[in-house]
Amino acid sequence: MSKVLYLYTTLGCHLCEQALAIVHPLIAEEGMVLELVEISEKEALVERYGIRIPVIRLADQEEELGWPFDAEAARRYLSLG
């Protein structure tokens, strides 16, 4: 079963687009599944992530990686490197 990586995002977030460009090749290498989580759909997500997005989180972990991050930091978080 593939690992799932959540990317907390919202429409029109240019930093989120940058984060997607960073993580997309990494998840492709490992056969991970990426799920975009639109924070504007739930008030609790807006409260938690509204000023922190983009944020990535592996489905089975509590620890998150918030912006800013680069490919190296994302790789370490994903335990790929």
PDB file of N, CA and C in Angstrom:
ATOM      1  N   MET A   1       0.835  -1.188   0.000  1.00  0.00           N
ATOM      2  CA  MET A   1       0.000   0.000   0.000  1.00  0.00           C
ATOM      3  C   MET A   1       0.876   1.247   0.000  1.00  0.00           C
ATOM      4  N   SER A   2       0.518   2.213  -0.816  1.00  0.00           N
ATOM      5  CA  SER A   2       1.299   3.434  -0.954  1.00  0.00           C
ATOM      6  C   SER A   2       1.092   4.359   0.235  1.00  0.00           C
ATOM      7  N   LYS A   3       2.170   5.053   0.597  1.00  0.00           N
ATOM      8  CA  LYS A   3       2.059   6.093   1.616  1.00  0.00           C
ATOM      9  C   LYS A   3       1.304   7.270   1.037  1.00  0.00           C
ATOM     10  N   VAL A   4       0.582   7.960   1.904  1.00  0.00           N
ATOM     11  CA  VAL A   4      -0.182   9.135   1.490  1.00  0.00           C
ATOM     12  C   VAL A   4       0.467  10.378   2.086  1.00  0.00           C
ATOM     13  N   LEU A   5       0.672  11.369   1.238  1.00  0.00           N
ATOM     14  CA  LEU A   5       1.179  12.667   1.672  1.00  0.00           C
ATOM     15  C   LEU A   5       0.088  13.698   1.447  1.00  0.00           C
ATOM     16  N   TYR A   6      -0.258  14.413   2.517  1.00  0.00           N
ATOM     17  CA  TYR A   6      -1.244  15.483   2.425  1.00  0.00           C
ATOM     18  C   TYR A   6      -0.520  16.806   2.208  1.00  0.00           C
ATOM     19  N   LEU A   7      -1.042  17.609   1.297  1.00  0.00           N
ATOM     20  CA  LEU A   7      -0.574  18.971   1.099  1.00  0.00           C
ATOM     21  C   LEU A   7      -1.741  19.890   1.422  1.00  0.00           C
ATOM     22  N   TYR A   8      -1.618  20.612   2.531  1.00  0.00           N
ATOM     23  CA  TYR A   8      -2.644  21.560   2.946  1.00  0.00           C
ATOM     24  C   TYR A   8      -2.459  22.833   2.143  1.00  0.00           C
ATOM     25  N   THR A   9      -3.519  23.252   1.465  1.00  0.00           N
ATOM     26  CA  THR A   9      -3.433  24.311   0.471  1.00  0.00           C
ATOM     27  C   THR A   9      -4.754  25.072   0.400  1.00  0.00           C
ATOM     28  N   THR A  10      -4.782  26.093  -0.441  1.00  0.00           N
ATOM     29  CA  THR A  10      -6.032  26.778  -0.772  1.00  0.00           C
ATOM     30  C   THR A  10      -5.896  27.395  -2.153  1.00  0.00           C
ATOM     31  N   LEU A  11      -7.004  27.659  -2.766  1.00  0.00           N
ATOM     32  CA  LEU A  11      -7.042  28.198  -4.112  1.00  0.00           C
ATOM     33  C   LEU A  11      -6.305  29.534  -4.176  1.00  0.00           C
ATOM     34  N   GLY A  12      -5.463  29.685  -5.191  1.00  0.00           N
ATOM     35  CA  GLY A  12      -4.765  30.943  -5.406  1.00  0.00           C
ATOM     36  C   GLY A  12      -3.515  31.134  -4.570  1.00  0.00           C
ATOM     37  N   CYS A  13      -3.075  30.107  -3.892  1.00  0.00           N
ATOM     38  CA  CYS A  13      -1.885  30.191  -3.035  1.00  0.00           C
ATOM     39  C   CYS A  13      -0.637  29.901  -3.882  1.00  0.00           C
ATOM     40  N   HIS A  14       0.121  30.949  -4.211  1.00  0.00           N
ATOM     41  CA  HIS A  14       1.306  30.746  -5.047  1.00  0.00           C
ATOM     42  C   HIS A  14       2.398  29.965  -4.319  1.00  0.00           C
ATOM     43  N   LEU A  15       2.485  30.102  -3.011  1.00  0.00           N
ATOM     44  CA  LEU A  15       3.462  29.311  -2.259  1.00  0.00           C
ATOM     45  C   LEU A  15       3.093  27.829  -2.296  1.00  0.00           C
ATOM     46  N   CYS A  16       1.802  27.551  -2.298  1.00  0.00           N
ATOM     47  CA  CYS A  16       1.343  26.169  -2.379  1.00  0.00           C
ATOM     48  C   CYS A  16       1.720  25.556  -3.729  1.00  0.00           C
ATOM     49  N   GLU A  17       1.658  26.354  -4.772  1.00  0.00           N
ATOM     50  CA  GLU A  17       2.076  25.887  -6.096  1.00  0.00           C
ATOM     51  C   GLU A  17       3.569  25.566  -6.096  1.00  0.00           C
ATOM     52  N   GLN A  18       4.357  26.380  -5.414  1.00  0.00           N
ATOM     53  CA  GLN A  18       5.790  26.118  -5.304  1.00  0.00           C
ATOM     54  C   GLN A  18       6.034  24.826  -4.517  1.00  0.00           C
ATOM     55  N   ALA A  19       5.285  24.651  -3.436  1.00  0.00           N
ATOM     56  CA  ALA A  19       5.428  23.434  -2.629  1.00  0.00           C
ATOM     57  C   ALA A  19       5.061  22.201  -3.442  1.00  0.00           C
ATOM     58  N   LEU A  20       4.017  22.291  -4.229  1.00  0.00           N
ATOM     59  CA  LEU A  20       3.605  21.176  -5.080  1.00  0.00           C
ATOM     60  C   LEU A  20       4.706  20.829  -6.074  1.00  0.00           C
ATOM     61  N   ALA A  21       5.334  21.843  -6.653  1.00  0.00           N
ATOM     62  CA  ALA A  21       6.434  21.608  -7.591  1.00  0.00           C
ATOM     63  C   ALA A  21       7.616  20.935  -6.909  1.00  0.00           C
ATOM     64  N   ILE A  22       7.813  21.202  -5.632  1.00  0.00           N
ATOM     65  CA  ILE A  22       8.899  20.570  -4.877  1.00  0.00           C
ATOM     66  C   ILE A  22       8.575  19.119  -4.554  1.00  0.00           C
ATOM     67  N   VAL A  23       7.380  18.849  -4.050  1.00  0.00           N
ATOM     68  CA  VAL A  23       7.070  17.497  -3.570  1.00  0.00           C
ATOM     69  C   VAL A  23       6.654  16.535  -4.669  1.00  0.00           C
ATOM     70  N   HIS A  24       6.111  17.045  -5.763  1.00  0.00           N
ATOM     71  CA  HIS A  24       5.616  16.155  -6.812  1.00  0.00           C
ATOM     72  C   HIS A  24       6.674  15.173  -7.321  1.00  0.00           C
ATOM     73  N   PRO A  25       7.880  15.623  -7.668  1.00  0.00           N
ATOM     74  CA  PRO A  25       8.889  14.670  -8.126  1.00  0.00           C
ATOM     75  C   PRO A  25       9.310  13.671  -7.039  1.00  0.00           C
ATOM     76  N   LEU A  26       9.298  14.120  -5.782  1.00  0.00           N
ATOM     77  CA  LEU A  26       9.699  13.242  -4.687  1.00  0.00           C
ATOM     78  C   LEU A  26       8.695  12.116  -4.468  1.00  0.00           C
ATOM     79  N   ILE A  27       7.428  12.442  -4.524  1.00  0.00           N
ATOM     80  CA  ILE A  27       6.418  11.401  -4.318  1.00  0.00           C
ATOM     81  C   ILE A  27       6.367  10.460  -5.519  1.00  0.00           C
ATOM     82  N   ALA A  28       6.634  10.998  -6.715  1.00  0.00           N
ATOM     83  CA  ALA A  28       6.655  10.152  -7.912  1.00  0.00           C
ATOM     84  C   ALA A  28       7.765   9.113  -7.818  1.00  0.00           C
ATOM     85  N   GLU A  29       8.923   9.517  -7.295  1.00  0.00           N
ATOM     86  CA  GLU A  29      10.052   8.594  -7.147  1.00  0.00           C
ATOM     87  C   GLU A  29       9.699   7.408  -6.257  1.00  0.00           C
ATOM     88  N   GLU A  30       8.922   7.652  -5.240  1.00  0.00           N
ATOM     89  CA  GLU A  30       8.622   6.630  -4.236  1.00  0.00           C
ATOM     90  C   GLU A  30       7.244   5.996  -4.392  1.00  0.00           C
ATOM     91  N   GLY A  31       6.506   6.404  -5.399  1.00  0.00           N
ATOM     92  CA  GLY A  31       5.181   5.841  -5.608  1.00  0.00           C
ATOM     93  C   GLY A  31       4.184   6.217  -4.528  1.00  0.00           C
ATOM     94  N   MET A  32       4.389   7.372  -3.936  1.00  0.00           N
ATOM     95  CA  MET A  32       3.463   7.869  -2.919  1.00  0.00           C
ATOM     96  C   MET A  32       2.221   8.464  -3.583  1.00  0.00           C
ATOM     97  N   VAL A  33       1.185   8.605  -2.788  1.00  0.00           N
ATOM     98  CA  VAL A  33      -0.053   9.227  -3.234  1.00  0.00           C
ATOM     99  C   VAL A  33      -0.119  10.613  -2.604  1.00  0.00           C
ATOM    100  N   LEU A  34      -0.398  11.621  -3.429  1.00  0.00           N
ATOM    101  CA  LEU A  34      -0.535  12.992  -2.936  1.00  0.00           C
ATOM    102  C   LEU A  34      -2.006  13.349  -2.872  1.00  0.00           C
ATOM    103  N   GLU A  35      -2.420  13.845  -1.720  1.00  0.00           N
ATOM    104  CA  GLU A  35      -3.786  14.330  -1.562  1.00  0.00           C
ATOM    105  C   GLU A  35      -3.728  15.803  -1.184  1.00  0.00           C
ATOM    106  N   LEU A  36      -4.356  16.628  -2.008  1.00  0.00           N
ATOM    107  CA  LEU A  36      -4.450  18.051  -1.711  1.00  0.00           C
ATOM    108  C   LEU A  36      -5.624  18.263  -0.776  1.00  0.00           C
ATOM    109  N   VAL A  37      -5.383  18.988   0.302  1.00  0.00           N
ATOM    110  CA  VAL A  37      -6.427  19.270   1.281  1.00  0.00           C
ATOM    111  C   VAL A  37      -6.744  20.754   1.210  1.00  0.00           C
ATOM    112  N   GLU A  38      -7.944  21.074   0.740  1.00  0.00           N
ATOM    113  CA  GLU A  38      -8.395  22.455   0.620  1.00  0.00           C
ATOM    114  C   GLU A  38      -8.851  22.936   1.993  1.00  0.00           C
ATOM    115  N   ILE A  39      -8.057  23.818   2.590  1.00  0.00           N
ATOM    116  CA  ILE A  39      -8.341  24.218   3.973  1.00  0.00           C
ATOM    117  C   ILE A  39      -9.581  25.086   4.095  1.00  0.00           C
ATOM    118  N   SER A  40      -9.964  25.779   3.022  1.00  0.00           N
ATOM    119  CA  SER A  40     -11.100  26.704   3.116  1.00  0.00           C
ATOM    120  C   SER A  40     -12.431  25.981   3.308  1.00  0.00           C
ATOM    121  N   GLU A  41     -12.447  24.671   3.128  1.00  0.00           N
ATOM    122  CA  GLU A  41     -13.690  23.913   3.242  1.00  0.00           C
ATOM    123  C   GLU A  41     -14.072  23.586   4.684  1.00  0.00           C
ATOM    124  N   LYS A  42     -13.136  23.761   5.611  1.00  0.00           N
ATOM    125  CA  LYS A  42     -13.425  23.468   7.017  1.00  0.00           C
ATOM    126  C   LYS A  42     -12.812  24.556   7.891  1.00  0.00           C
ATOM    127  N   GLU A  43     -13.638  25.126   8.751  1.00  0.00           N
ATOM    128  CA  GLU A  43     -13.187  26.210   9.618  1.00  0.00           C
ATOM    129  C   GLU A  43     -12.007  25.786  10.489  1.00  0.00           C
ATOM    130  N   ALA A  44     -12.029  24.561  10.983  1.00  0.00           N
ATOM    131  CA  ALA A  44     -10.935  24.074  11.834  1.00  0.00           C
ATOM    132  C   ALA A  44      -9.616  24.052  11.073  1.00  0.00           C
ATOM    133  N   LEU A  45      -9.663  23.725   9.792  1.00  0.00           N
ATOM    134  CA  LEU A  45      -8.439  23.716   8.985  1.00  0.00           C
ATOM    135  C   LEU A  45      -7.949  25.137   8.728  1.00  0.00           C
ATOM    136  N   VAL A  46      -8.863  26.059   8.516  1.00  0.00           N
ATOM    137  CA  VAL A  46      -8.479  27.463   8.335  1.00  0.00           C
ATOM    138  C   VAL A  46      -7.804  27.980   9.599  1.00  0.00           C
ATOM    139  N   GLU A  47      -8.370  27.656  10.753  1.00  0.00           N
ATOM    140  CA  GLU A  47      -7.779  28.096  12.017  1.00  0.00           C
ATOM    141  C   GLU A  47      -6.388  27.502  12.215  1.00  0.00           C
ATOM    142  N   ARG A  48      -6.224  26.238  11.851  1.00  0.00           N
ATOM    143  CA  ARG A  48      -4.950  25.552  12.083  1.00  0.00           C
ATOM    144  C   ARG A  48      -3.886  25.929  11.061  1.00  0.00           C
ATOM    145  N   TYR A  49      -4.283  26.064   9.799  1.00  0.00           N
ATOM    146  CA  TYR A  49      -3.298  26.221   8.721  1.00  0.00           C
ATOM    147  C   TYR A  49      -3.362  27.549   7.981  1.00  0.00           C
ATOM    148  N   GLY A  50      -4.337  28.391   8.286  1.00  0.00           N
ATOM    149  CA  GLY A  50      -4.584  29.603   7.515  1.00  0.00           C
ATOM    150  C   GLY A  50      -3.372  30.469   7.233  1.00  0.00           C
ATOM    151  N   ILE A  51      -2.505  30.648   8.224  1.00  0.00           N
ATOM    152  CA  ILE A  51      -1.316  31.492   8.008  1.00  0.00           C
ATOM    153  C   ILE A  51      -0.045  30.663   7.868  1.00  0.00           C
ATOM    154  N   ARG A  52      -0.192  29.328   7.812  1.00  0.00           N
ATOM    155  CA  ARG A  52       0.980  28.450   7.764  1.00  0.00           C
ATOM    156  C   ARG A  52       1.155  27.742   6.432  1.00  0.00           C
ATOM    157  N   ILE A  53       0.134  27.741   5.575  1.00  0.00           N
ATOM    158  CA  ILE A  53       0.226  26.956   4.348  1.00  0.00           C
ATOM    159  C   ILE A  53       1.286  27.518   3.419  1.00  0.00           C
ATOM    160  N   PRO A  54       1.869  26.644   2.638  1.00  0.00           N
ATOM    161  CA  PRO A  54       1.613  25.221   2.506  1.00  0.00           C
ATOM    162  C   PRO A  54       2.264  24.411   3.619  1.00  0.00           C
ATOM    163  N   VAL A  55       1.609  23.325   3.956  1.00  0.00           N
ATOM    164  CA  VAL A  55       2.094  22.375   4.958  1.00  0.00           C
ATOM    165  C   VAL A  55       1.937  20.978   4.373  1.00  0.00           C
ATOM    166  N   ILE A  56       2.953  20.133   4.591  1.00  0.00           N
ATOM    167  CA  ILE A  56       2.833  18.734   4.186  1.00  0.00           C
ATOM    168  C   ILE A  56       2.847  17.851   5.426  1.00  0.00           C
ATOM    169  N   ARG A  57       2.123  16.725   5.311  1.00  0.00           N
ATOM    170  CA  ARG A  57       2.069  15.771   6.422  1.00  0.00           C
ATOM    171  C   ARG A  57       1.825  14.380   5.863  1.00  0.00           C
ATOM    172  N   LEU A  58       2.653  13.447   6.305  1.00  0.00           N
ATOM    173  CA  LEU A  58       2.420  12.047   5.962  1.00  0.00           C
ATOM    174  C   LEU A  58       1.225  11.539   6.755  1.00  0.00           C
ATOM    175  N   ALA A  59       0.423  10.713   6.131  1.00  0.00           N
ATOM    176  CA  ALA A  59      -0.831  10.248   6.735  1.00  0.00           C
ATOM    177  C   ALA A  59      -0.624   9.567   8.079  1.00  0.00           C
ATOM    178  N   ASP A  60       0.478   8.900   8.271  1.00  0.00           N
ATOM    179  CA  ASP A  60       0.686   8.141   9.506  1.00  0.00           C
ATOM    180  C   ASP A  60       1.548   8.874  10.531  1.00  0.00           C
ATOM    181  N   GLN A  61       1.737  10.180  10.343  1.00  0.00           N
ATOM    182  CA  GLN A  61       2.581  10.950  11.256  1.00  0.00           C
ATOM    183  C   GLN A  61       1.851  12.176  11.785  1.00  0.00           C
ATOM    184  N   GLU A  62       2.183  12.533  13.006  1.00  0.00           N
ATOM    185  CA  GLU A  62       1.667  13.778  13.595  1.00  0.00           C
ATOM    186  C   GLU A  62       2.517  14.965  13.158  1.00  0.00           C
ATOM    187  N   GLU A  63       3.822  14.725  13.000  1.00  0.00           N
ATOM    188  CA  GLU A  63       4.749  15.790  12.634  1.00  0.00           C
ATOM    189  C   GLU A  63       4.447  16.302  11.232  1.00  0.00           C
ATOM    190  N   GLU A  64       4.512  17.609  11.075  1.00  0.00           N
ATOM    191  CA  GLU A  64       4.248  18.261   9.796  1.00  0.00           C
ATOM    192  C   GLU A  64       5.484  19.045   9.379  1.00  0.00           C
ATOM    193  N   LEU A  65       5.528  19.366   8.104  1.00  0.00           N
ATOM    194  CA  LEU A  65       6.580  20.243   7.592  1.00  0.00           C
ATOM    195  C   LEU A  65       5.899  21.448   6.967  1.00  0.00           C
ATOM    196  N   GLY A  66       6.115  22.611   7.590  1.00  0.00           N
ATOM    197  CA  GLY A  66       5.501  23.839   7.101  1.00  0.00           C
ATOM    198  C   GLY A  66       6.459  24.662   6.263  1.00  0.00           C
ATOM    199  N   TRP A  67       5.892  25.539   5.510  1.00  0.00           N
ATOM    200  CA  TRP A  67       6.648  26.446   4.646  1.00  0.00           C
ATOM    201  C   TRP A  67       7.420  27.439   5.480  1.00  0.00           C
ATOM    202  N   PRO A  68       8.610  27.806   5.112  1.00  0.00           N
ATOM    203  CA  PRO A  68       9.286  27.473   3.865  1.00  0.00           C
ATOM    204  C   PRO A  68      10.075  26.166   3.981  1.00  0.00           C
ATOM    205  N   PHE A  69      10.086  25.418   2.898  1.00  0.00           N
ATOM    206  CA  PHE A  69      10.933  24.237   2.791  1.00  0.00           C
ATOM    207  C   PHE A  69      11.395  24.079   1.355  1.00  0.00           C
ATOM    208  N   ASP A  70      12.531  23.425   1.204  1.00  0.00           N
ATOM    209  CA  ASP A  70      13.060  23.142  -0.129  1.00  0.00           C
ATOM    210  C   ASP A  70      13.021  21.635  -0.345  1.00  0.00           C
ATOM    211  N   ALA A  71      13.524  21.185  -1.488  1.00  0.00           N
ATOM    212  CA  ALA A  71      13.470  19.763  -1.828  1.00  0.00           C
ATOM    213  C   ALA A  71      14.248  18.916  -0.820  1.00  0.00           C
ATOM    214  N   GLU A  72      15.366  19.423  -0.353  1.00  0.00           N
ATOM    215  CA  GLU A  72      16.164  18.671   0.614  1.00  0.00           C
ATOM    216  C   GLU A  72      15.405  18.476   1.931  1.00  0.00           C
ATOM    217  N   ALA A  73      14.794  19.528   2.414  1.00  0.00           N
ATOM    218  CA  ALA A  73      14.017  19.435   3.659  1.00  0.00           C
ATOM    219  C   ALA A  73      12.820  18.506   3.469  1.00  0.00           C
ATOM    220  N   ALA A  74      12.160  18.595   2.328  1.00  0.00           N
ATOM    221  CA  ALA A  74      11.020  17.713   2.059  1.00  0.00           C
ATOM    222  C   ALA A  74      11.476  16.255   1.964  1.00  0.00           C
ATOM    223  N   ARG A  75      12.600  16.020   1.333  1.00  0.00           N
ATOM    224  CA  ARG A  75      13.145  14.659   1.220  1.00  0.00           C
ATOM    225  C   ARG A  75      13.452  14.101   2.611  1.00  0.00           C
ATOM    226  N   ARG A  76      14.054  14.916   3.469  1.00  0.00           N
ATOM    227  CA  ARG A  76      14.340  14.454   4.829  1.00  0.00           C
ATOM    228  C   ARG A  76      13.040  14.122   5.548  1.00  0.00           C
ATOM    229  N   TYR A  77      12.046  14.988   5.402  1.00  0.00           N
ATOM    230  CA  TYR A  77      10.770  14.753   6.043  1.00  0.00           C
ATOM    231  C   TYR A  77      10.157  13.437   5.555  1.00  0.00           C
ATOM    232  N   LEU A  78      10.239  13.205   4.284  1.00  0.00           N
ATOM    233  CA  LEU A  78       9.662  11.992   3.692  1.00  0.00           C
ATOM    234  C   LEU A  78      10.538  10.760   3.900  1.00  0.00           C
ATOM    235  N   SER A  79      11.720  10.970   4.497  1.00  0.00           N
ATOM    236  CA  SER A  79      12.679   9.885   4.737  1.00  0.00           C
ATOM    237  C   SER A  79      13.098   9.208   3.446  1.00  0.00           C
ATOM    238  N   LEU A  80      13.280  10.014   2.421  1.00  0.00           N
ATOM    239  CA  LEU A  80      13.705   9.470   1.131  1.00  0.00           C
ATOM    240  C   LEU A  80      15.221   9.556   0.942  1.00  0.00           C
ATOM    241  N   GLY A  81      15.856  10.412   1.712  1.00  0.00           N
ATOM    242  CA  GLY A  81      17.278  10.627   1.467  1.00  0.00           C
ATOM    243  C   GLY A  81      18.059  10.146   2.588  1.00  0.00           C
TER     244      GLY A  81
END
